[in-house]
N, C-alpha and C. Protein backbone atom coordinates (compact mmCIF):
# COMPACT_ATOMS: atom_id res chain seq x y z
N UNK A 1 0.84 -1.17 0.00
CA UNK A 1 0.00 0.00 0.00
C UNK A 1 0.89 1.23 0.00
N UNK A 2 0.57 2.15 -0.92
CA UNK A 2 1.36 3.37 -1.05
C UNK A 2 0.83 4.42 -0.09
N UNK A 3 1.78 5.01 0.67
CA UNK A 3 1.36 6.02 1.63
C UNK A 3 1.30 7.38 0.96
N UNK A 4 0.52 8.28 1.54
CA UNK A 4 0.39 9.64 1.03
C UNK A 4 1.48 10.50 1.68
N UNK A 5 2.60 10.61 0.99
CA UNK A 5 3.74 11.36 1.55
C UNK A 5 3.52 12.86 1.47
N UNK A 6 2.60 13.32 0.63
CA UNK A 6 2.30 14.75 0.56
C UNK A 6 1.77 15.25 1.90
N UNK A 7 1.01 14.41 2.58
CA UNK A 7 0.47 14.78 3.89
C UNK A 7 1.61 14.97 4.89
N UNK A 8 2.62 14.08 4.83
CA UNK A 8 3.79 14.22 5.72
C UNK A 8 4.56 15.52 5.42
N UNK A 9 4.70 15.83 4.11
CA UNK A 9 5.43 17.04 3.71
C UNK A 9 4.68 18.29 4.19
N UNK A 10 3.34 18.28 4.05
CA UNK A 10 2.53 19.41 4.49
C UNK A 10 2.65 19.60 6.00
N UNK A 11 2.59 18.48 6.76
CA UNK A 11 2.73 18.58 8.22
C UNK A 11 4.13 19.09 8.60
N UNK A 12 5.14 18.68 7.83
CA UNK A 12 6.51 19.16 8.10
C UNK A 12 6.60 20.67 7.89
N UNK A 13 6.00 21.19 6.80
CA UNK A 13 6.03 22.62 6.53
C UNK A 13 5.28 23.42 7.59
N UNK A 14 4.20 22.85 8.14
CA UNK A 14 3.43 23.54 9.18
C UNK A 14 4.08 23.41 10.55
N UNK A 15 5.07 22.52 10.65
CA UNK A 15 5.72 22.27 11.95
C UNK A 15 4.92 21.35 12.84
N UNK A 16 4.07 20.51 12.26
CA UNK A 16 3.19 19.62 13.01
C UNK A 16 3.68 18.17 12.96
N UNK A 17 4.88 17.92 12.47
CA UNK A 17 5.40 16.55 12.31
C UNK A 17 5.83 15.99 13.66
N UNK A 18 5.45 14.71 13.89
CA UNK A 18 5.94 14.01 15.08
C UNK A 18 7.26 13.36 14.73
N UNK A 19 7.94 12.84 15.70
CA UNK A 19 9.21 12.16 15.45
C UNK A 19 9.01 10.95 14.55
N UNK A 20 7.89 10.24 14.72
CA UNK A 20 7.59 9.08 13.89
C UNK A 20 7.36 9.51 12.43
N UNK A 21 6.61 10.64 12.23
CA UNK A 21 6.37 11.16 10.88
C UNK A 21 7.70 11.54 10.21
N UNK A 22 8.58 12.18 10.98
CA UNK A 22 9.89 12.58 10.43
C UNK A 22 10.69 11.38 10.00
N UNK A 23 10.63 10.29 10.79
CA UNK A 23 11.37 9.07 10.47
C UNK A 23 10.83 8.43 9.20
N UNK A 24 9.52 8.38 9.04
CA UNK A 24 8.89 7.80 7.85
C UNK A 24 9.28 8.61 6.61
N UNK A 25 9.19 9.92 6.72
CA UNK A 25 9.53 10.80 5.61
C UNK A 25 11.00 10.68 5.24
N UNK A 26 11.87 10.61 6.21
CA UNK A 26 13.30 10.49 5.96
C UNK A 26 13.63 9.18 5.26
N UNK A 27 13.02 8.05 5.66
CA UNK A 27 13.26 6.77 5.00
C UNK A 27 12.77 6.80 3.55
N UNK A 28 11.60 7.42 3.34
CA UNK A 28 11.05 7.49 1.99
C UNK A 28 11.96 8.34 1.07
N UNK A 29 12.48 9.46 1.55
CA UNK A 29 13.37 10.32 0.74
C UNK A 29 14.66 9.58 0.42
N UNK A 30 15.22 8.87 1.38
CA UNK A 30 16.49 8.16 1.18
C UNK A 30 16.37 6.90 0.35
N UNK A 31 15.15 6.42 0.10
CA UNK A 31 14.97 5.15 -0.62
C UNK A 31 15.40 5.25 -2.08
N UNK A 32 15.18 6.40 -2.74
CA UNK A 32 15.56 6.51 -4.16
C UNK A 32 15.74 7.98 -4.53
N UNK A 33 16.41 8.15 -5.65
CA UNK A 33 16.64 9.50 -6.18
C UNK A 33 15.33 10.12 -6.65
N UNK A 34 14.41 9.31 -7.21
CA UNK A 34 13.10 9.81 -7.65
C UNK A 34 12.29 10.33 -6.47
N UNK A 35 12.36 9.62 -5.31
CA UNK A 35 11.63 10.07 -4.12
C UNK A 35 12.19 11.42 -3.64
N UNK A 36 13.51 11.56 -3.66
CA UNK A 36 14.12 12.82 -3.21
C UNK A 36 13.67 13.97 -4.11
N UNK A 37 13.68 13.74 -5.44
CA UNK A 37 13.27 14.77 -6.40
C UNK A 37 11.79 15.11 -6.20
N UNK A 38 10.95 14.11 -6.03
CA UNK A 38 9.52 14.35 -5.81
C UNK A 38 9.30 15.14 -4.52
N UNK A 39 10.07 14.84 -3.47
CA UNK A 39 9.97 15.55 -2.19
C UNK A 39 10.29 17.04 -2.40
N UNK A 40 11.40 17.32 -3.10
CA UNK A 40 11.81 18.71 -3.30
C UNK A 40 10.78 19.47 -4.14
N UNK A 41 10.25 18.85 -5.20
CA UNK A 41 9.25 19.53 -6.03
C UNK A 41 7.96 19.79 -5.26
N UNK A 42 7.50 18.81 -4.52
CA UNK A 42 6.27 18.96 -3.74
C UNK A 42 6.44 20.02 -2.68
N UNK A 43 7.56 20.01 -2.01
CA UNK A 43 7.82 21.01 -0.96
C UNK A 43 7.86 22.42 -1.56
N UNK A 44 8.49 22.57 -2.72
CA UNK A 44 8.58 23.87 -3.38
C UNK A 44 7.18 24.38 -3.74
N UNK A 45 6.37 23.51 -4.32
CA UNK A 45 5.01 23.90 -4.72
C UNK A 45 4.19 24.31 -3.51
N UNK A 46 4.30 23.55 -2.43
CA UNK A 46 3.52 23.87 -1.22
C UNK A 46 3.99 25.19 -0.59
N UNK A 47 5.27 25.45 -0.62
CA UNK A 47 5.78 26.70 -0.04
C UNK A 47 5.32 27.90 -0.86
N UNK A 48 5.29 27.76 -2.18
CA UNK A 48 4.95 28.88 -3.05
C UNK A 48 3.44 29.04 -3.23
N UNK A 49 2.65 28.10 -2.76
CA UNK A 49 1.20 28.16 -2.99
C UNK A 49 0.55 29.31 -2.24
N UNK A 50 1.19 29.86 -1.23
CA UNK A 50 0.60 30.99 -0.51
C UNK A 50 0.49 32.22 -1.42
N UNK A 51 1.29 32.27 -2.50
CA UNK A 51 1.20 33.38 -3.45
C UNK A 51 -0.09 33.33 -4.24
N UNK A 52 -0.63 32.12 -4.42
CA UNK A 52 -1.83 31.95 -5.22
C UNK A 52 -3.12 32.15 -4.41
N UNK A 53 -3.03 32.28 -3.10
CA UNK A 53 -4.23 32.39 -2.27
C UNK A 53 -5.04 33.64 -2.60
N UNK A 54 -4.37 34.75 -2.90
CA UNK A 54 -5.08 36.00 -3.16
C UNK A 54 -5.56 36.13 -4.58
N UNK A 55 -5.32 35.13 -5.43
CA UNK A 55 -5.69 35.21 -6.84
C UNK A 55 -7.20 35.31 -7.03
N UNK A 56 -7.97 34.63 -6.24
CA UNK A 56 -9.43 34.67 -6.37
C UNK A 56 -10.03 35.98 -5.91
N UNK A 57 -9.31 36.73 -5.10
CA UNK A 57 -9.84 37.97 -4.56
C UNK A 57 -9.56 39.17 -5.47
N UNK A 58 -8.85 38.98 -6.57
CA UNK A 58 -8.48 40.07 -7.45
C UNK A 58 -9.72 40.66 -8.13
N UNK A 59 -9.75 41.98 -8.24
CA UNK A 59 -10.88 42.66 -8.87
C UNK A 59 -10.66 42.61 -10.38
N UNK A 60 -11.39 41.73 -11.04
CA UNK A 60 -11.18 41.50 -12.46
C UNK A 60 -11.61 42.70 -13.29
N UNK A 61 -12.67 43.36 -12.91
CA UNK A 61 -13.16 44.50 -13.67
C UNK A 61 -12.14 45.65 -13.65
N UNK A 62 -11.59 45.94 -12.48
CA UNK A 62 -10.61 47.02 -12.37
C UNK A 62 -9.33 46.68 -13.12
N UNK A 63 -8.91 45.42 -13.07
CA UNK A 63 -7.70 44.99 -13.79
C UNK A 63 -7.91 45.13 -15.30
N UNK A 64 -9.11 44.76 -15.77
CA UNK A 64 -9.39 44.87 -17.21
C UNK A 64 -9.39 46.34 -17.65
N UNK A 65 -9.91 47.23 -16.84
CA UNK A 65 -9.89 48.66 -17.16
C UNK A 65 -8.45 49.19 -17.23
N UNK A 66 -7.61 48.75 -16.33
CA UNK A 66 -6.20 49.17 -16.35
C UNK A 66 -5.50 48.72 -17.63
N UNK A 67 -5.78 47.49 -18.05
CA UNK A 67 -5.17 46.96 -19.27
C UNK A 67 -5.64 47.76 -20.47
N UNK A 68 -6.92 48.05 -20.55
CA UNK A 68 -7.47 48.83 -21.68
C UNK A 68 -6.88 50.23 -21.73
N UNK A 69 -6.73 50.86 -20.56
CA UNK A 69 -6.17 52.20 -20.51
C UNK A 69 -4.73 52.23 -21.03
N UNK A 70 -3.97 51.22 -20.68
CA UNK A 70 -2.56 51.17 -21.10
C UNK A 70 -2.40 50.84 -22.57
N UNK A 71 -3.32 50.10 -23.13
CA UNK A 71 -3.20 49.71 -24.53
C UNK A 71 -4.05 50.55 -25.46
N UNK A 72 -4.73 51.55 -24.94
CA UNK A 72 -5.60 52.40 -25.76
C UNK A 72 -4.75 53.17 -26.77
N UNK A 73 -5.22 53.20 -28.00
CA UNK A 73 -4.49 53.88 -29.08
C UNK A 73 -4.78 55.36 -29.04
N UNK A 74 -3.79 56.13 -29.46
CA UNK A 74 -3.95 57.57 -29.59
C UNK A 74 -4.27 57.84 -31.07
N UNK A 75 -5.50 58.26 -31.40
CA UNK A 75 -5.88 58.41 -32.81
C UNK A 75 -5.09 59.49 -33.53
N UNK A 76 -4.73 60.58 -32.83
CA UNK A 76 -3.97 61.65 -33.46
C UNK A 76 -2.57 61.16 -33.84
N UNK A 77 -1.95 60.45 -32.94
CA UNK A 77 -0.61 59.91 -33.21
C UNK A 77 -0.64 58.93 -34.37
N UNK A 78 -1.65 58.09 -34.41
CA UNK A 78 -1.77 57.11 -35.50
C UNK A 78 -1.92 57.83 -36.84
N UNK A 79 -2.71 58.91 -36.88
CA UNK A 79 -2.89 59.67 -38.11
C UNK A 79 -1.58 60.32 -38.57
N UNK A 80 -0.84 60.90 -37.62
CA UNK A 80 0.44 61.54 -37.96
C UNK A 80 1.43 60.52 -38.51
N UNK A 81 1.48 59.36 -37.92
CA UNK A 81 2.39 58.31 -38.40
C UNK A 81 2.00 57.88 -39.80
N UNK A 82 0.71 57.73 -40.07
CA UNK A 82 0.26 57.34 -41.40
C UNK A 82 0.65 58.37 -42.46
N UNK A 83 0.45 59.65 -42.16
CA UNK A 83 0.80 60.71 -43.12
C UNK A 83 2.30 60.78 -43.35
N UNK A 84 3.07 60.65 -42.28
CA UNK A 84 4.53 60.69 -42.42
C UNK A 84 5.02 59.53 -43.27
N UNK A 85 4.44 58.35 -43.07
CA UNK A 85 4.85 57.19 -43.85
C UNK A 85 4.46 57.36 -45.32
N UNK A 86 3.29 57.96 -45.58
CA UNK A 86 2.87 58.12 -46.97
C UNK A 86 3.73 59.14 -47.70
N UNK A 87 4.37 60.07 -46.98
CA UNK A 87 5.26 61.04 -47.61
C UNK A 87 6.67 60.48 -47.75
N UNK A 88 7.16 59.85 -46.71
CA UNK A 88 8.56 59.37 -46.70
C UNK A 88 8.78 58.15 -47.58
N UNK A 89 7.83 57.25 -47.63
CA UNK A 89 8.03 56.01 -48.37
C UNK A 89 8.29 56.25 -49.85
N UNK A 90 7.50 57.05 -50.57
CA UNK A 90 7.82 57.30 -51.99
C UNK A 90 9.18 57.98 -52.17
N UNK A 91 9.50 58.91 -51.27
CA UNK A 91 10.79 59.59 -51.34
C UNK A 91 11.94 58.58 -51.22
N UNK A 92 11.85 57.67 -50.26
CA UNK A 92 12.88 56.65 -50.07
C UNK A 92 12.98 55.71 -51.27
N UNK A 93 11.86 55.39 -51.88
CA UNK A 93 11.87 54.51 -53.06
C UNK A 93 12.61 55.19 -54.21
N UNK A 94 12.32 56.48 -54.45
CA UNK A 94 12.99 57.20 -55.54
C UNK A 94 14.49 57.31 -55.27
N UNK A 95 14.87 57.67 -54.07
CA UNK A 95 16.30 57.78 -53.73
C UNK A 95 16.99 56.43 -53.88
N UNK A 96 16.35 55.36 -53.41
CA UNK A 96 16.92 54.02 -53.55
C UNK A 96 17.11 53.64 -55.00
N UNK A 97 16.14 53.98 -55.83
CA UNK A 97 16.27 53.66 -57.26
C UNK A 97 17.42 54.43 -57.88
N UNK A 98 17.54 55.71 -57.58
CA UNK A 98 18.61 56.52 -58.16
C UNK A 98 19.99 56.03 -57.75
N UNK A 99 20.11 55.56 -56.54
CA UNK A 99 21.41 55.08 -56.06
C UNK A 99 21.74 53.70 -56.60
N UNK A 100 20.76 52.83 -56.65
CA UNK A 100 21.02 51.42 -57.00
C UNK A 100 20.73 51.06 -58.44
N UNK A 101 20.31 52.01 -59.27
CA UNK A 101 19.96 51.67 -60.66
C UNK A 101 21.20 51.18 -61.41
N UNK A 102 21.01 50.32 -62.42
CA UNK A 102 22.13 49.82 -63.21
C UNK A 102 22.78 50.97 -63.98
N UNK A 103 24.09 50.99 -64.02
CA UNK A 103 24.83 52.00 -64.76
C UNK A 103 25.04 53.28 -63.99
N UNK A 104 24.55 53.38 -62.75
CA UNK A 104 24.78 54.59 -61.95
C UNK A 104 26.21 54.58 -61.44
N UNK A 105 26.85 55.74 -61.44
CA UNK A 105 28.22 55.78 -60.93
C UNK A 105 28.23 55.49 -59.43
N UNK A 106 29.23 54.77 -59.01
CA UNK A 106 29.35 54.42 -57.59
C UNK A 106 29.69 55.68 -56.81
N UNK A 107 29.02 55.88 -55.66
CA UNK A 107 29.33 57.07 -54.86
C UNK A 107 30.72 56.95 -54.26
N UNK A 108 31.42 58.07 -54.24
CA UNK A 108 32.75 58.10 -53.65
C UNK A 108 32.75 59.06 -52.49
N UNK A 109 33.58 58.78 -51.51
CA UNK A 109 33.62 59.61 -50.31
C UNK A 109 34.48 60.84 -50.49
N UNK A 110 35.43 60.82 -51.40
CA UNK A 110 36.33 61.96 -51.57
C UNK A 110 36.60 62.16 -53.04
N UNK A 111 36.98 63.37 -53.38
CA UNK A 111 37.31 63.67 -54.76
C UNK A 111 38.65 63.02 -55.10
N UNK A 112 38.80 62.73 -56.38
CA UNK A 112 40.07 62.17 -56.81
C UNK A 112 41.14 63.24 -56.72
N UNK A 113 42.28 62.85 -56.22
CA UNK A 113 43.39 63.79 -56.13
C UNK A 113 44.58 63.17 -56.84
N UNK A 114 45.24 63.98 -57.60
CA UNK A 114 46.44 63.46 -58.24
C UNK A 114 47.62 63.70 -57.30
N UNK A 115 48.44 62.70 -57.19
CA UNK A 115 49.60 62.78 -56.32
C UNK A 115 50.81 63.03 -57.19
N UNK A 116 51.40 64.17 -57.00
CA UNK A 116 52.56 64.55 -57.78
C UNK A 116 53.80 63.85 -57.24
N UNK A 117 54.76 63.54 -58.11
CA UNK A 117 56.00 62.93 -57.61
C UNK A 117 56.77 63.94 -56.78
N UNK A 118 57.58 63.42 -55.86
CA UNK A 118 58.37 64.28 -54.99
C UNK A 118 59.45 65.01 -55.78
N UNK A 119 59.81 66.18 -55.30
CA UNK A 119 60.87 66.95 -55.95
C UNK A 119 62.14 66.81 -55.12
N UNK A 120 63.25 67.00 -55.78
CA UNK A 120 64.55 66.85 -55.10
C UNK A 120 64.78 68.07 -54.24
N UNK A 121 64.63 67.90 -52.92
CA UNK A 121 64.89 68.98 -51.98
C UNK A 121 65.23 68.37 -50.63
N UNK A 122 66.20 68.96 -49.97
CA UNK A 122 66.63 68.48 -48.67
C UNK A 122 67.51 69.53 -48.02
N UNK A 123 67.73 69.38 -46.73
CA UNK A 123 68.63 70.25 -45.98
C UNK A 123 69.63 69.35 -45.27
N UNK A 124 70.91 69.69 -45.38
CA UNK A 124 71.99 68.92 -44.75
C UNK A 124 72.51 69.71 -43.57
N UNK A 125 72.56 69.07 -42.40
CA UNK A 125 73.13 69.68 -41.20
C UNK A 125 74.45 68.98 -40.92
N UNK A 126 75.53 69.72 -40.94
CA UNK A 126 76.88 69.18 -40.75
C UNK A 126 77.25 69.20 -39.27
N UNK A 127 78.32 68.47 -38.92
CA UNK A 127 78.74 68.38 -37.53
C UNK A 127 79.32 69.68 -37.01
N UNK A 128 79.77 70.59 -37.89
CA UNK A 128 80.31 71.86 -37.44
C UNK A 128 79.22 72.92 -37.29
N UNK A 129 77.92 72.55 -37.47
CA UNK A 129 76.82 73.48 -37.28
C UNK A 129 76.33 74.11 -38.55
N UNK A 130 77.00 73.88 -39.66
CA UNK A 130 76.55 74.45 -40.93
C UNK A 130 75.22 73.83 -41.35
N UNK A 131 74.45 74.68 -42.02
CA UNK A 131 73.19 74.21 -42.60
C UNK A 131 73.30 74.45 -44.09
N UNK A 132 73.19 73.39 -44.89
CA UNK A 132 73.35 73.49 -46.33
C UNK A 132 72.03 73.11 -46.99
N UNK A 133 71.45 74.05 -47.74
CA UNK A 133 70.21 73.79 -48.47
C UNK A 133 70.60 73.08 -49.77
N UNK A 134 70.10 71.87 -49.98
CA UNK A 134 70.48 71.07 -51.13
C UNK A 134 69.51 71.20 -52.30
N UNK A 135 68.55 72.11 -52.22
CA UNK A 135 67.59 72.31 -53.29
C UNK A 135 68.28 73.01 -54.46
N UNK A 136 68.45 72.28 -55.54
CA UNK A 136 69.04 72.85 -56.74
C UNK A 136 70.51 73.23 -56.60
N UNK A 137 71.18 72.75 -55.58
CA UNK A 137 72.58 73.11 -55.35
C UNK A 137 73.46 72.41 -56.37
N UNK A 138 74.33 73.17 -57.03
CA UNK A 138 75.22 72.60 -58.04
C UNK A 138 76.68 72.83 -57.67
N UNK A 139 76.91 73.50 -56.54
CA UNK A 139 78.29 73.76 -56.14
C UNK A 139 78.88 72.50 -55.53
N UNK A 140 80.05 72.19 -55.85
CA UNK A 140 80.71 71.03 -55.27
C UNK A 140 82.08 71.47 -54.80
N UNK A 141 82.61 70.93 -53.81
CA UNK A 141 82.08 69.99 -52.82
C UNK A 141 81.53 70.72 -51.61
N UNK A 142 80.89 69.96 -50.71
CA UNK A 142 80.44 70.48 -49.42
C UNK A 142 81.53 70.11 -48.43
N UNK A 143 81.97 71.07 -47.63
CA UNK A 143 83.08 70.79 -46.70
C UNK A 143 82.58 70.89 -45.27
N UNK A 144 82.85 69.81 -44.51
CA UNK A 144 82.56 69.79 -43.08
C UNK A 144 83.86 70.15 -42.38
N UNK A 145 83.95 71.36 -41.83
CA UNK A 145 85.19 71.84 -41.23
C UNK A 145 85.50 71.13 -39.93
N UNK A 146 84.51 70.70 -39.18
CA UNK A 146 84.75 70.00 -37.91
C UNK A 146 85.40 68.64 -38.15
N UNK A 147 84.92 67.92 -39.15
CA UNK A 147 85.46 66.59 -39.45
C UNK A 147 86.56 66.66 -40.48
N UNK A 148 86.82 67.85 -41.00
CA UNK A 148 87.84 68.04 -42.04
C UNK A 148 87.60 67.06 -43.18
N UNK A 149 86.39 67.12 -43.73
CA UNK A 149 86.02 66.18 -44.78
C UNK A 149 85.26 66.91 -45.87
N UNK A 150 85.55 66.51 -47.13
CA UNK A 150 84.82 67.01 -48.29
C UNK A 150 83.79 65.96 -48.67
N UNK A 151 82.57 66.43 -48.95
CA UNK A 151 81.52 65.52 -49.40
C UNK A 151 81.22 65.87 -50.84
N UNK A 152 81.35 64.91 -51.70
CA UNK A 152 81.18 65.16 -53.13
C UNK A 152 79.71 65.27 -53.47
N UNK A 153 79.39 66.11 -54.45
CA UNK A 153 78.04 66.23 -54.99
C UNK A 153 78.10 65.75 -56.43
N UNK A 154 77.31 64.74 -56.75
CA UNK A 154 77.24 64.29 -58.15
C UNK A 154 76.57 65.40 -58.94
N UNK A 155 77.28 65.93 -59.92
CA UNK A 155 76.77 67.09 -60.63
C UNK A 155 75.53 66.77 -61.46
N UNK A 156 75.43 65.58 -62.01
CA UNK A 156 74.29 65.25 -62.86
C UNK A 156 73.00 65.08 -62.06
N UNK A 157 73.08 64.47 -60.88
CA UNK A 157 71.88 64.17 -60.10
C UNK A 157 71.73 65.05 -58.87
N UNK A 158 72.71 65.87 -58.56
CA UNK A 158 72.73 66.72 -57.37
C UNK A 158 72.57 65.86 -56.12
N UNK A 159 73.23 64.70 -56.06
CA UNK A 159 73.13 63.77 -54.95
C UNK A 159 74.42 63.81 -54.13
N UNK A 160 74.27 63.68 -52.81
CA UNK A 160 75.44 63.60 -51.94
C UNK A 160 76.11 62.25 -52.14
N UNK A 161 77.46 62.27 -52.15
CA UNK A 161 78.19 61.03 -52.36
C UNK A 161 79.24 60.91 -51.28
N UNK A 162 78.94 60.13 -50.22
CA UNK A 162 79.89 59.92 -49.13
C UNK A 162 80.92 58.85 -49.49
N UNK A 163 80.69 58.14 -50.57
CA UNK A 163 81.60 57.07 -50.99
C UNK A 163 82.90 57.65 -51.55
N UNK A 164 82.78 58.77 -52.22
CA UNK A 164 83.95 59.40 -52.83
C UNK A 164 84.45 60.59 -52.03
N UNK A 165 84.32 60.55 -50.70
CA UNK A 165 84.77 61.68 -49.89
C UNK A 165 86.28 61.69 -49.79
N UNK A 166 86.79 62.86 -49.60
CA UNK A 166 88.24 63.01 -49.39
C UNK A 166 88.45 63.82 -48.12
N UNK A 167 89.56 63.51 -47.45
CA UNK A 167 89.87 64.24 -46.22
C UNK A 167 90.70 65.45 -46.58
N UNK A 168 90.35 66.56 -45.94
CA UNK A 168 91.11 67.78 -46.16
C UNK A 168 92.40 67.73 -45.34
N UNK A 169 92.31 67.27 -44.12
CA UNK A 169 93.48 67.09 -43.24
C UNK A 169 93.54 65.63 -42.83
N UNK A 170 94.74 65.19 -42.48
CA UNK A 170 94.90 63.78 -42.13
C UNK A 170 94.37 63.45 -40.74
N UNK A 171 94.24 64.43 -39.86
CA UNK A 171 93.78 64.18 -38.49
C UNK A 171 92.28 64.41 -38.36
N UNK A 172 91.51 63.97 -39.30
CA UNK A 172 90.05 64.18 -39.30
C UNK A 172 89.39 63.25 -38.31
N UNK A 173 88.32 63.72 -37.69
CA UNK A 173 87.58 62.90 -36.74
C UNK A 173 86.23 62.48 -37.35
N UNK A 174 85.57 61.54 -36.69
CA UNK A 174 84.28 61.07 -37.17
C UNK A 174 83.24 62.18 -37.00
N UNK A 175 82.25 62.20 -37.87
CA UNK A 175 81.24 63.26 -37.83
C UNK A 175 79.86 62.67 -38.05
N UNK A 176 78.87 63.36 -37.51
CA UNK A 176 77.48 62.96 -37.70
C UNK A 176 76.80 64.03 -38.53
N UNK A 177 76.20 63.61 -39.62
CA UNK A 177 75.47 64.52 -40.48
C UNK A 177 74.00 64.11 -40.46
N UNK A 178 73.16 65.11 -40.64
CA UNK A 178 71.72 64.87 -40.62
C UNK A 178 71.13 65.43 -41.91
N UNK A 179 70.39 64.59 -42.63
CA UNK A 179 69.72 65.03 -43.85
C UNK A 179 68.22 65.07 -43.54
N UNK A 180 67.59 66.24 -43.72
CA UNK A 180 66.17 66.41 -43.46
C UNK A 180 65.47 66.65 -44.79
N UNK A 181 64.52 65.78 -45.11
CA UNK A 181 63.76 65.88 -46.36
C UNK A 181 62.33 66.26 -45.98
N UNK A 182 61.83 67.41 -46.47
CA UNK A 182 60.48 67.83 -46.11
C UNK A 182 59.42 66.99 -46.82
N UNK A 183 58.18 67.15 -46.39
CA UNK A 183 57.05 66.45 -47.00
C UNK A 183 56.97 66.82 -48.48
N UNK A 184 56.77 65.81 -49.32
CA UNK A 184 56.68 66.04 -50.76
C UNK A 184 58.04 66.11 -51.43
N UNK A 185 59.08 65.79 -50.69
CA UNK A 185 60.42 65.85 -51.26
C UNK A 185 61.09 64.50 -51.27
N UNK A 186 62.21 64.44 -51.96
CA UNK A 186 63.03 63.23 -51.99
C UNK A 186 64.47 63.67 -52.21
N UNK A 187 65.40 62.81 -51.80
CA UNK A 187 66.79 63.18 -52.01
C UNK A 187 67.64 61.91 -52.05
N UNK A 188 68.50 61.76 -53.06
CA UNK A 188 69.36 60.58 -53.15
C UNK A 188 70.71 60.86 -52.50
N UNK A 189 71.30 59.82 -51.92
CA UNK A 189 72.68 59.95 -51.45
C UNK A 189 73.34 58.58 -51.46
N UNK A 190 74.66 58.60 -51.52
CA UNK A 190 75.44 57.36 -51.54
C UNK A 190 76.22 57.29 -50.25
N UNK A 191 76.04 56.19 -49.49
CA UNK A 191 76.71 56.00 -48.20
C UNK A 191 78.16 55.60 -48.42
N UNK A 192 79.00 55.69 -47.36
CA UNK A 192 80.42 55.36 -47.51
C UNK A 192 80.68 53.93 -48.02
N UNK A 193 79.77 52.98 -47.76
CA UNK A 193 79.99 51.61 -48.24
C UNK A 193 79.49 51.42 -49.68
N UNK A 194 79.00 52.48 -50.31
CA UNK A 194 78.54 52.40 -51.70
C UNK A 194 77.04 52.19 -51.84
N UNK A 195 76.32 52.02 -50.75
CA UNK A 195 74.86 51.83 -50.80
C UNK A 195 74.17 53.12 -51.20
N UNK A 196 73.25 53.01 -52.16
CA UNK A 196 72.50 54.18 -52.60
C UNK A 196 71.18 54.23 -51.83
N UNK A 197 70.85 55.41 -51.28
CA UNK A 197 69.66 55.59 -50.46
C UNK A 197 68.84 56.73 -51.04
N UNK A 198 67.52 56.55 -51.05
CA UNK A 198 66.64 57.65 -51.48
C UNK A 198 65.84 58.09 -50.28
């Protein structure tokens, strides 16, 4: 004979369980995993059922009026939306056709710009503090007095040539030169090992 364990669970929740009832309930829960799961579900439902007690007392007429008030349409707003849609929709169709029609030029974000090649211009800063403008310079050679060194300028290309440098004095020291090329410019030079750099 199957016992009604829901009655034991209800008495447990009310605090009316005797020690014997607790022992019976404990054995039934421990007998199988299904019993334990059924106990937890039944207990949960019974604990939460107090929320449903006031459901029958709810004023249905007042609740229905509240729902109608919240969902009531505004006729003026509906009319404005209809008119706006009737004006905007044809406009959007025409614009879409003009943009997407076959043979239409693809829209570009910027105008085409031609990029001109760089011009030969640069400034050479020597170790002795001299500043030599190399734009169109045809004078040769450039002399660094601090390092006692002549830097050759190729006359045909107006390029610095460190490969063919000559020392003015035998006790020349090492020097640091800086070549600054502005935006839109370029300048060729030949390094002491013969490497050509632009």
